[in-house]
Structure formats: structure tokens, C-alpha cells
Amino acid sequence: MGFWDKLLGRQPSSGKVAKDRLQLVLVHDRSGLSPEMIEQMRDELIAVLSKYVEINHEEMEISLTQGRGQNKLIANIPIRPPRVGRTP
């Protein structure tokens, strides 16, 4: 779902959602990463990044994709504006 779709409140079709879920299941199976391991990686990413920047945990997205013979871990992590006086 793109930026404009979210902004305008458009919802993806049920077929598109089902296709995306199936692709996600296939990538998880082929990568050998369990959902628990992905959740642990997410928690560790939050811990490390939080040492340096303030992140928006609620909007953080981690996904696995497959393309051109390789699996990819994609992390979309929104960063909040820095607070005055924050030091790493």
C-alpha cells in the first residue's frame, strides 16, 4: 500500500492481501527464519538504534522479500525528530 493509498484511506483487495501473505509465508520458509527469530531481531534493532536516535516503535516494519535468487530483510524504521540536549 502506497503513501497516497494510506492518506486517502484506500484498502487493498482481499486477493492482494492473501497474495502478500502467501508470499510472506514462502519467504519465511525459504529463509529458515522463524517468526520468533524475526521478533528477536526486531527487539535488538530497537535496542541498538534507540541508543543513538529516537525511533517510532509503532510504525516500525520489518519484512522479508525474495528477489533475484536472494532473500532480503527490509527494515522501515521511522526516526522521530531529536530532542534538544540528547546525547548518545
PDB file of N, CA and C in Angstrom:
ATOM      1  N   MET A   1       0.849  -1.162   0.000  1.00  0.00           N
ATOM      2  CA  MET A   1       0.000   0.000   0.000  1.00  0.00           C
ATOM      3  C   MET A   1       0.896   1.226   0.000  1.00  0.00           C
ATOM      4  N   GLY A   2       0.638   2.133  -0.909  1.00  0.00           N
ATOM      5  CA  GLY A   2       1.457   3.312  -1.056  1.00  0.00           C
ATOM      6  C   GLY A   2       1.030   4.445  -0.140  1.00  0.00           C
ATOM      7  N   PHE A   3       1.821   5.493  -0.171  1.00  0.00           N
ATOM      8  CA  PHE A   3       1.577   6.663   0.668  1.00  0.00           C
ATOM      9  C   PHE A   3       0.198   7.250   0.406  1.00  0.00           C
ATOM     10  N   TRP A   4      -0.127   7.455  -0.866  1.00  0.00           N
ATOM     11  CA  TRP A   4      -1.411   8.078  -1.215  1.00  0.00           C
ATOM     12  C   TRP A   4      -2.588   7.185  -0.830  1.00  0.00           C
ATOM     13  N   ASP A   5      -2.418   5.884  -0.978  1.00  0.00           N
ATOM     14  CA  ASP A   5      -3.490   4.964  -0.591  1.00  0.00           C
ATOM     15  C   ASP A   5      -3.778   5.075   0.903  1.00  0.00           C
ATOM     16  N   LYS A   6      -2.728   5.137   1.711  1.00  0.00           N
ATOM     17  CA  LYS A   6      -2.914   5.275   3.158  1.00  0.00           C
ATOM     18  C   LYS A   6      -3.555   6.616   3.489  1.00  0.00           C
ATOM     19  N   LEU A   7      -3.076   7.680   2.824  1.00  0.00           N
ATOM     20  CA  LEU A   7      -3.580   9.019   3.086  1.00  0.00           C
ATOM     21  C   LEU A   7      -5.062   9.128   2.743  1.00  0.00           C
ATOM     22  N   LEU A   8      -5.467   8.523   1.644  1.00  0.00           N
ATOM     23  CA  LEU A   8      -6.852   8.607   1.191  1.00  0.00           C
ATOM     24  C   LEU A   8      -7.744   7.517   1.778  1.00  0.00           C
ATOM     25  N   GLY A   9      -7.177   6.642   2.598  1.00  0.00           N
ATOM     26  CA  GLY A   9      -7.953   5.609   3.274  1.00  0.00           C
ATOM     27  C   GLY A   9      -8.361   4.446   2.392  1.00  0.00           C
ATOM     28  N   ARG A  10      -7.656   4.236   1.306  1.00  0.00           N
ATOM     29  CA  ARG A  10      -7.973   3.114   0.420  1.00  0.00           C
ATOM     30  C   ARG A  10      -7.470   1.813   1.029  1.00  0.00           C
ATOM     31  N   GLN A  11      -8.264   0.772   0.893  1.00  0.00           N
ATOM     32  CA  GLN A  11      -7.905  -0.542   1.418  1.00  0.00           C
ATOM     33  C   GLN A  11      -7.552  -1.480   0.267  1.00  0.00           C
ATOM     34  N   PRO A  12      -6.518  -2.323   0.444  1.00  0.00           N
ATOM     35  CA  PRO A  12      -6.186  -3.286  -0.612  1.00  0.00           C
ATOM     36  C   PRO A  12      -7.276  -4.356  -0.720  1.00  0.00           C
ATOM     37  N   SER A  13      -7.392  -4.958  -1.897  1.00  0.00           N
ATOM     38  CA  SER A  13      -8.392  -6.011  -2.091  1.00  0.00           C
ATOM     39  C   SER A  13      -8.004  -7.242  -1.275  1.00  0.00           C
ATOM     40  N   SER A  14      -8.994  -8.080  -0.978  1.00  0.00           N
ATOM     41  CA  SER A  14      -8.712  -9.284  -0.188  1.00  0.00           C
ATOM     42  C   SER A  14      -7.782 -10.223  -0.951  1.00  0.00           C
ATOM     43  N   GLY A  15      -7.882 -10.247  -2.281  1.00  0.00           N
ATOM     44  CA  GLY A  15      -6.979 -11.068  -3.092  1.00  0.00           C
ATOM     45  C   GLY A  15      -5.542 -10.608  -2.968  1.00  0.00           C
ATOM     46  N   LYS A  16      -5.327  -9.300  -2.956  1.00  0.00           N
ATOM     47  CA  LYS A  16      -3.980  -8.738  -2.816  1.00  0.00           C
ATOM     48  C   LYS A  16      -3.411  -9.070  -1.439  1.00  0.00           C
ATOM     49  N   VAL A  17      -4.235  -8.952  -0.413  1.00  0.00           N
ATOM     50  CA  VAL A  17      -3.797  -9.272   0.950  1.00  0.00           C
ATOM     51  C   VAL A  17      -3.422 -10.746   1.045  1.00  0.00           C
ATOM     52  N   ALA A  18      -4.246 -11.622   0.480  1.00  0.00           N
ATOM     53  CA  ALA A  18      -3.964 -13.062   0.512  1.00  0.00           C
ATOM     54  C   ALA A  18      -2.675 -13.382  -0.243  1.00  0.00           C
ATOM     55  N   LYS A  19      -2.470 -12.758  -1.387  1.00  0.00           N
ATOM     56  CA  LYS A  19      -1.249 -12.974  -2.168  1.00  0.00           C
ATOM     57  C   LYS A  19      -0.020 -12.529  -1.377  1.00  0.00           C
ATOM     58  N   ASP A  20      -0.100 -11.353  -0.748  1.00  0.00           N
ATOM     59  CA  ASP A  20       1.020 -10.849   0.049  1.00  0.00           C
ATOM     60  C   ASP A  20       1.335 -11.777   1.219  1.00  0.00           C
ATOM     61  N   ARG A  21       0.303 -12.288   1.870  1.00  0.00           N
ATOM     62  CA  ARG A  21       0.516 -13.212   2.999  1.00  0.00           C
ATOM     63  C   ARG A  21       1.166 -14.511   2.539  1.00  0.00           C
ATOM     64  N   LEU A  22       0.717 -15.028   1.405  1.00  0.00           N
ATOM     65  CA  LEU A  22       1.302 -16.253   0.871  1.00  0.00           C
ATOM     66  C   LEU A  22       2.767 -16.037   0.517  1.00  0.00           C
ATOM     67  N   GLN A  23       3.080 -14.914  -0.105  1.00  0.00           N
ATOM     68  CA  GLN A  23       4.474 -14.617  -0.437  1.00  0.00           C
ATOM     69  C   GLN A  23       5.315 -14.511   0.825  1.00  0.00           C
ATOM     70  N   LEU A  24       4.768 -13.901   1.865  1.00  0.00           N
ATOM     71  CA  LEU A  24       5.489 -13.778   3.127  1.00  0.00           C
ATOM     72  C   LEU A  24       5.765 -15.145   3.736  1.00  0.00           C
ATOM     73  N   VAL A  25       4.781 -16.027   3.716  1.00  0.00           N
ATOM     74  CA  VAL A  25       4.962 -17.386   4.245  1.00  0.00           C
ATOM     75  C   VAL A  25       6.043 -18.122   3.464  1.00  0.00           C
ATOM     76  N   LEU A  26       6.024 -18.010   2.141  1.00  0.00           N
ATOM     77  CA  LEU A  26       7.033 -18.679   1.314  1.00  0.00           C
ATOM     78  C   LEU A  26       8.434 -18.151   1.597  1.00  0.00           C
ATOM     79  N   VAL A  27       8.571 -16.851   1.728  1.00  0.00           N
ATOM     80  CA  VAL A  27       9.886 -16.271   2.014  1.00  0.00           C
ATOM     81  C   VAL A  27      10.374 -16.719   3.381  1.00  0.00           C
ATOM     82  N   HIS A  28       9.485 -16.739   4.381  1.00  0.00           N
ATOM     83  CA  HIS A  28       9.872 -17.203   5.719  1.00  0.00           C
ATOM     84  C   HIS A  28      10.352 -18.644   5.661  1.00  0.00           C
ATOM     85  N   ASP A  29       9.624 -19.489   4.942  1.00  0.00           N
ATOM     86  CA  ASP A  29      10.017 -20.896   4.827  1.00  0.00           C
ATOM     87  C   ASP A  29      11.375 -21.034   4.161  1.00  0.00           C
ATOM     88  N   ARG A  30      11.608 -20.295   3.110  1.00  0.00           N
ATOM     89  CA  ARG A  30      12.862 -20.410   2.362  1.00  0.00           C
ATOM     90  C   ARG A  30      14.038 -19.776   3.089  1.00  0.00           C
ATOM     91  N   SER A  31      13.782 -18.787   3.932  1.00  0.00           N
ATOM     92  CA  SER A  31      14.877 -18.114   4.632  1.00  0.00           C
ATOM     93  C   SER A  31      15.360 -18.905   5.840  1.00  0.00           C
ATOM     94  N   GLY A  32      14.506 -19.756   6.393  1.00  0.00           N
ATOM     95  CA  GLY A  32      14.880 -20.515   7.572  1.00  0.00           C
ATOM     96  C   GLY A  32      14.764 -19.713   8.861  1.00  0.00           C
ATOM     97  N   LEU A  33      14.164 -18.515   8.806  1.00  0.00           N
ATOM     98  CA  LEU A  33      13.993 -17.685   9.995  1.00  0.00           C
ATOM     99  C   LEU A  33      12.583 -17.877  10.538  1.00  0.00           C
ATOM    100  N   SER A  34      12.501 -18.209  11.803  1.00  0.00           N
ATOM    101  CA  SER A  34      11.194 -18.379  12.431  1.00  0.00           C
ATOM    102  C   SER A  34      10.625 -17.001  12.793  1.00  0.00           C
ATOM    103  N   PRO A  35       9.323 -16.910  12.978  1.00  0.00           N
ATOM    104  CA  PRO A  35       8.737 -15.639  13.421  1.00  0.00           C
ATOM    105  C   PRO A  35       9.329 -15.165  14.749  1.00  0.00           C
ATOM    106  N   GLU A  36       9.677 -16.114  15.625  1.00  0.00           N
ATOM    107  CA  GLU A  36      10.288 -15.747  16.904  1.00  0.00           C
ATOM    108  C   GLU A  36      11.650 -15.093  16.687  1.00  0.00           C
ATOM    109  N   MET A  37      12.433 -15.629  15.741  1.00  0.00           N
ATOM    110  CA  MET A  37      13.751 -15.068  15.470  1.00  0.00           C
ATOM    111  C   MET A  37      13.623 -13.667  14.859  1.00  0.00           C
ATOM    112  N   ILE A  38      12.655 -13.486  14.000  1.00  0.00           N
ATOM    113  CA  ILE A  38      12.441 -12.164  13.402  1.00  0.00           C
ATOM    114  C   ILE A  38      12.027 -11.169  14.480  1.00  0.00           C
ATOM    115  N   GLU A  39      11.180 -11.594  15.409  1.00  0.00           N
ATOM    116  CA  GLU A  39      10.769 -10.719  16.508  1.00  0.00           C
ATOM    117  C   GLU A  39      11.962 -10.378  17.405  1.00  0.00           C
ATOM    118  N   GLN A  40      12.839 -11.345  17.645  1.00  0.00           N
ATOM    119  CA  GLN A  40      14.040 -11.090  18.444  1.00  0.00           C
ATOM    120  C   GLN A  40      14.951 -10.094  17.725  1.00  0.00           C
ATOM    121  N   MET A  41      15.108 -10.249  16.419  1.00  0.00           N
ATOM    122  CA  MET A  41      15.918  -9.303  15.644  1.00  0.00           C
ATOM    123  C   MET A  41      15.314  -7.906  15.724  1.00  0.00           C
ATOM    124  N   ARG A  42      13.987  -7.823  15.654  1.00  0.00           N
ATOM    125  CA  ARG A  42      13.299  -6.536  15.743  1.00  0.00           C
ATOM    126  C   ARG A  42      13.600  -5.874  17.089  1.00  0.00           C
ATOM    127  N   ASP A  43      13.481  -6.643  18.175  1.00  0.00           N
ATOM    128  CA  ASP A  43      13.746  -6.107  19.510  1.00  0.00           C
ATOM    129  C   ASP A  43      15.188  -5.632  19.647  1.00  0.00           C
ATOM    130  N   GLU A  44      16.129  -6.385  19.097  1.00  0.00           N
ATOM    131  CA  GLU A  44      17.537  -6.000  19.181  1.00  0.00           C
ATOM    132  C   GLU A  44      17.829  -4.766  18.334  1.00  0.00           C
ATOM    133  N   LEU A  45      17.192  -4.666  17.171  1.00  0.00           N
ATOM    134  CA  LEU A  45      17.352  -3.460  16.351  1.00  0.00           C
ATOM    135  C   LEU A  45      16.848  -2.233  17.101  1.00  0.00           C
ATOM    136  N   ILE A  46      15.700  -2.371  17.751  1.00  0.00           N
ATOM    137  CA  ILE A  46      15.148  -1.264  18.535  1.00  0.00           C
ATOM    138  C   ILE A  46      16.121  -0.856  19.636  1.00  0.00           C
ATOM    139  N   ALA A  47      16.672  -1.834  20.343  1.00  0.00           N
ATOM    140  CA  ALA A  47      17.593  -1.540  21.446  1.00  0.00           C
ATOM    141  C   ALA A  47      18.835  -0.803  20.963  1.00  0.00           C
ATOM    142  N   VAL A  48      19.422  -1.272  19.866  1.00  0.00           N
ATOM    143  CA  VAL A  48      20.650  -0.647  19.360  1.00  0.00           C
ATOM    144  C   VAL A  48      20.364   0.743  18.805  1.00  0.00           C
ATOM    145  N   LEU A  49      19.346   0.867  17.973  1.00  0.00           N
ATOM    146  CA  LEU A  49      19.045   2.161  17.362  1.00  0.00           C
ATOM    147  C   LEU A  49      18.620   3.194  18.395  1.00  0.00           C
ATOM    148  N   SER A  50      17.940   2.748  19.456  1.00  0.00           N
ATOM    149  CA  SER A  50      17.479   3.671  20.490  1.00  0.00           C
ATOM    150  C   SER A  50      18.629   4.314  21.252  1.00  0.00           C
ATOM    151  N   LYS A  51      19.810   3.721  21.199  1.00  0.00           N
ATOM    152  CA  LYS A  51      20.985   4.325  21.832  1.00  0.00           C
ATOM    153  C   LYS A  51      21.401   5.602  21.118  1.00  0.00           C
ATOM    154  N   TYR A  52      21.072   5.721  19.833  1.00  0.00           N
ATOM    155  CA  TYR A  52      21.564   6.822  19.014  1.00  0.00           C
ATOM    156  C   TYR A  52      20.483   7.773  18.528  1.00  0.00           C
ATOM    157  N   VAL A  53      19.283   7.260  18.277  1.00  0.00           N
ATOM    158  CA  VAL A  53      18.182   8.097  17.791  1.00  0.00           C
ATOM    159  C   VAL A  53      16.886   7.635  18.439  1.00  0.00           C
ATOM    160  N   GLU A  54      15.898   8.524  18.441  1.00  0.00           N
ATOM    161  CA  GLU A  54      14.580   8.149  18.944  1.00  0.00           C
ATOM    162  C   GLU A  54      13.770   7.619  17.767  1.00  0.00           C
ATOM    163  N   ILE A  55      13.243   6.412  17.927  1.00  0.00           N
ATOM    164  CA  ILE A  55      12.502   5.796  16.827  1.00  0.00           C
ATOM    165  C   ILE A  55      11.040   5.620  17.206  1.00  0.00           C
ATOM    166  N   ASN A  56      10.208   5.513  16.179  1.00  0.00           N
ATOM    167  CA  ASN A  56       8.780   5.301  16.369  1.00  0.00           C
ATOM    168  C   ASN A  56       8.515   3.800  16.298  1.00  0.00           C
ATOM    169  N   HIS A  57       8.391   3.148  17.440  1.00  0.00           N
ATOM    170  CA  HIS A  57       8.230   1.689  17.505  1.00  0.00           C
ATOM    171  C   HIS A  57       6.943   1.222  16.843  1.00  0.00           C
ATOM    172  N   GLU A  58       5.875   2.014  16.987  1.00  0.00           N
ATOM    173  CA  GLU A  58       4.570   1.594  16.474  1.00  0.00           C
ATOM    174  C   GLU A  58       4.553   1.488  14.948  1.00  0.00           C
ATOM    175  N   GLU A  59       5.311   2.336  14.271  1.00  0.00           N
ATOM    176  CA  GLU A  59       5.293   2.344  12.807  1.00  0.00           C
ATOM    177  C   GLU A  59       6.452   1.571  12.191  1.00  0.00           C
ATOM    178  N   MET A  60       7.260   0.934  13.016  1.00  0.00           N
ATOM    179  CA  MET A  60       8.397   0.163  12.522  1.00  0.00           C
ATOM    180  C   MET A  60       7.910  -1.090  11.806  1.00  0.00           C
ATOM    181  N   GLU A  61       8.456  -1.346  10.623  1.00  0.00           N
ATOM    182  CA  GLU A  61       8.078  -2.518   9.843  1.00  0.00           C
ATOM    183  C   GLU A  61       9.330  -3.286   9.439  1.00  0.00           C
ATOM    184  N   ILE A  62       9.300  -4.591   9.639  1.00  0.00           N
ATOM    185  CA  ILE A  62      10.383  -5.457   9.186  1.00  0.00           C
ATOM    186  C   ILE A  62       9.754  -6.522   8.311  1.00  0.00           C
ATOM    187  N   SER A  63      10.316  -6.700   7.129  1.00  0.00           N
ATOM    188  CA  SER A  63       9.754  -7.694   6.218  1.00  0.00           C
ATOM    189  C   SER A  63      10.867  -8.468   5.530  1.00  0.00           C
ATOM    190  N   LEU A  64      10.509  -9.639   5.075  1.00  0.00           N
ATOM    191  CA  LEU A  64      11.412 -10.466   4.284  1.00  0.00           C
ATOM    192  C   LEU A  64      10.868 -10.510   2.867  1.00  0.00           C
ATOM    193  N   THR A  65      11.749 -10.344   1.895  1.00  0.00           N
ATOM    194  CA  THR A  65      11.350 -10.451   0.496  1.00  0.00           C
ATOM    195  C   THR A  65      12.336 -11.351  -0.218  1.00  0.00           C
ATOM    196  N   GLN A  66      11.923 -11.804  -1.375  1.00  0.00           N
ATOM    197  CA  GLN A  66      12.804 -12.643  -2.174  1.00  0.00           C
ATOM    198  C   GLN A  66      12.833 -12.077  -3.579  1.00  0.00           C
ATOM    199  N   GLY A  67      14.027 -11.971  -4.118  1.00  0.00           N
ATOM    200  CA  GLY A  67      14.168 -11.481  -5.479  1.00  0.00           C
ATOM    201  C   GLY A  67      15.540 -11.793  -6.013  1.00  0.00           C
ATOM    202  N   ARG A  68      15.581 -12.167  -7.274  1.00  0.00           N
ATOM    203  CA  ARG A  68      16.840 -12.457  -7.955  1.00  0.00           C
ATOM    204  C   ARG A  68      17.696 -13.475  -7.204  1.00  0.00           C
ATOM    205  N   GLY A  69      17.050 -14.503  -6.685  1.00  0.00           N
ATOM    206  CA  GLY A  69      17.783 -15.593  -6.057  1.00  0.00           C
ATOM    207  C   GLY A  69      18.302 -15.331  -4.661  1.00  0.00           C
ATOM    208  N   GLN A  70      17.886 -14.242  -4.025  1.00  0.00           N
ATOM    209  CA  GLN A  70      18.352 -13.985  -2.663  1.00  0.00           C
ATOM    210  C   GLN A  70      17.214 -13.438  -1.810  1.00  0.00           C
ATOM    211  N   ASN A  71      17.283 -13.751  -0.529  1.00  0.00           N
ATOM    212  CA  ASN A  71      16.317 -13.231   0.431  1.00  0.00           C
ATOM    213  C   ASN A  71      16.836 -11.909   0.965  1.00  0.00           C
ATOM    214  N   LYS A  72      15.900 -10.993   1.247  1.00  0.00           N
ATOM    215  CA  LYS A  72      16.278  -9.679   1.766  1.00  0.00           C
ATOM    216  C   LYS A  72      15.445  -9.364   2.997  1.00  0.00           C
ATOM    217  N   LEU A  73      16.109  -8.831   4.001  1.00  0.00           N
ATOM    218  CA  LEU A  73      15.442  -8.326   5.185  1.00  0.00           C
ATOM    219  C   LEU A  73      15.349  -6.816   5.012  1.00  0.00           C
ATOM    220  N   ILE A  74      14.135  -6.295   5.033  1.00  0.00           N
ATOM    221  CA  ILE A  74      13.935  -4.864   4.831  1.00  0.00           C
ATOM    222  C   ILE A  74      13.355  -4.286   6.112  1.00  0.00           C
ATOM    223  N   ALA A  75      14.029  -3.269   6.645  1.00  0.00           N
ATOM    224  CA  ALA A  75      13.563  -2.612   7.862  1.00  0.00           C
ATOM    225  C   ALA A  75      13.194  -1.169   7.536  1.00  0.00           C
ATOM    226  N   ASN A  76      11.956  -0.814   7.817  1.00  0.00           N
ATOM    227  CA  ASN A  76      11.468   0.544   7.647  1.00  0.00           C
ATOM    228  C   ASN A  76      11.260   1.092   9.054  1.00  0.00           C
ATOM    229  N   ILE A  77      12.165   1.987   9.475  1.00  0.00           N
ATOM    230  CA  ILE A  77      12.174   2.442  10.860  1.00  0.00           C
ATOM    231  C   ILE A  77      12.067   3.964  10.893  1.00  0.00           C
ATOM    232  N   PRO A  78      10.869   4.497  11.178  1.00  0.00           N
ATOM    233  CA  PRO A  78      10.715   5.950  11.250  1.00  0.00           C
ATOM    234  C   PRO A  78      11.491   6.526  12.432  1.00  0.00           C
ATOM    235  N   ILE A  79      12.208   7.596  12.176  1.00  0.00           N
ATOM    236  CA  ILE A  79      13.002   8.269  13.208  1.00  0.00           C
ATOM    237  C   ILE A  79      12.287   9.551  13.602  1.00  0.00           C
ATOM    238  N   ARG A  80      12.119   9.743  14.892  1.00  0.00           N
ATOM    239  CA  ARG A  80      11.473  10.956  15.400  1.00  0.00           C
ATOM    240  C   ARG A  80      12.495  12.085  15.441  1.00  0.00           C
ATOM    241  N   PRO A  81      12.028  13.318  15.366  1.00  0.00           N
ATOM    242  CA  PRO A  81      12.961  14.452  15.466  1.00  0.00           C
ATOM    243  C   PRO A  81      13.700  14.409  16.800  1.00  0.00           C
ATOM    244  N   PRO A  82      14.973  14.780  16.786  1.00  0.00           N
ATOM    245  CA  PRO A  82      15.755  14.717  18.036  1.00  0.00           C
ATOM    246  C   PRO A  82      15.257  15.731  19.058  1.00  0.00           C
ATOM    247  N   ARG A  83      15.352  15.319  20.315  1.00  0.00           N
ATOM    248  CA  ARG A  83      15.035  16.233  21.408  1.00  0.00           C
ATOM    249  C   ARG A  83      16.267  17.067  21.700  1.00  0.00           C
ATOM    250  N   VAL A  84      16.057  18.274  22.137  1.00  0.00           N
ATOM    251  CA  VAL A  84      17.174  19.151  22.475  1.00  0.00           C
ATOM    252  C   VAL A  84      17.904  18.573  23.679  1.00  0.00           C
ATOM    253  N   GLY A  85      19.235  18.510  23.582  1.00  0.00           N
ATOM    254  CA  GLY A  85      20.045  18.047  24.689  1.00  0.00           C
ATOM    255  C   GLY A  85      20.278  16.558  24.737  1.00  0.00           C
ATOM    256  N   ARG A  86      19.789  15.803  23.767  1.00  0.00           N
ATOM    257  CA  ARG A  86      20.003  14.344  23.767  1.00  0.00           C
ATOM    258  C   ARG A  86      21.411  14.052  23.273  1.00  0.00           C
ATOM    259  N   THR A  87      22.143  13.252  24.036  1.00  0.00           N
ATOM    260  CA  THR A  87      23.488  12.851  23.630  1.00  0.00           C
ATOM    261  C   THR A  87      23.555  11.341  23.587  1.00  0.00           C
ATOM    262  N   PRO A  88      24.298  10.788  22.631  1.00  0.00           N
ATOM    263  CA  PRO A  88      24.414   9.324  22.544  1.00  0.00           C
ATOM    264  C   PRO A  88      25.200   8.734  23.679  1.00  0.00           C
TER     265      PRO A  88
END
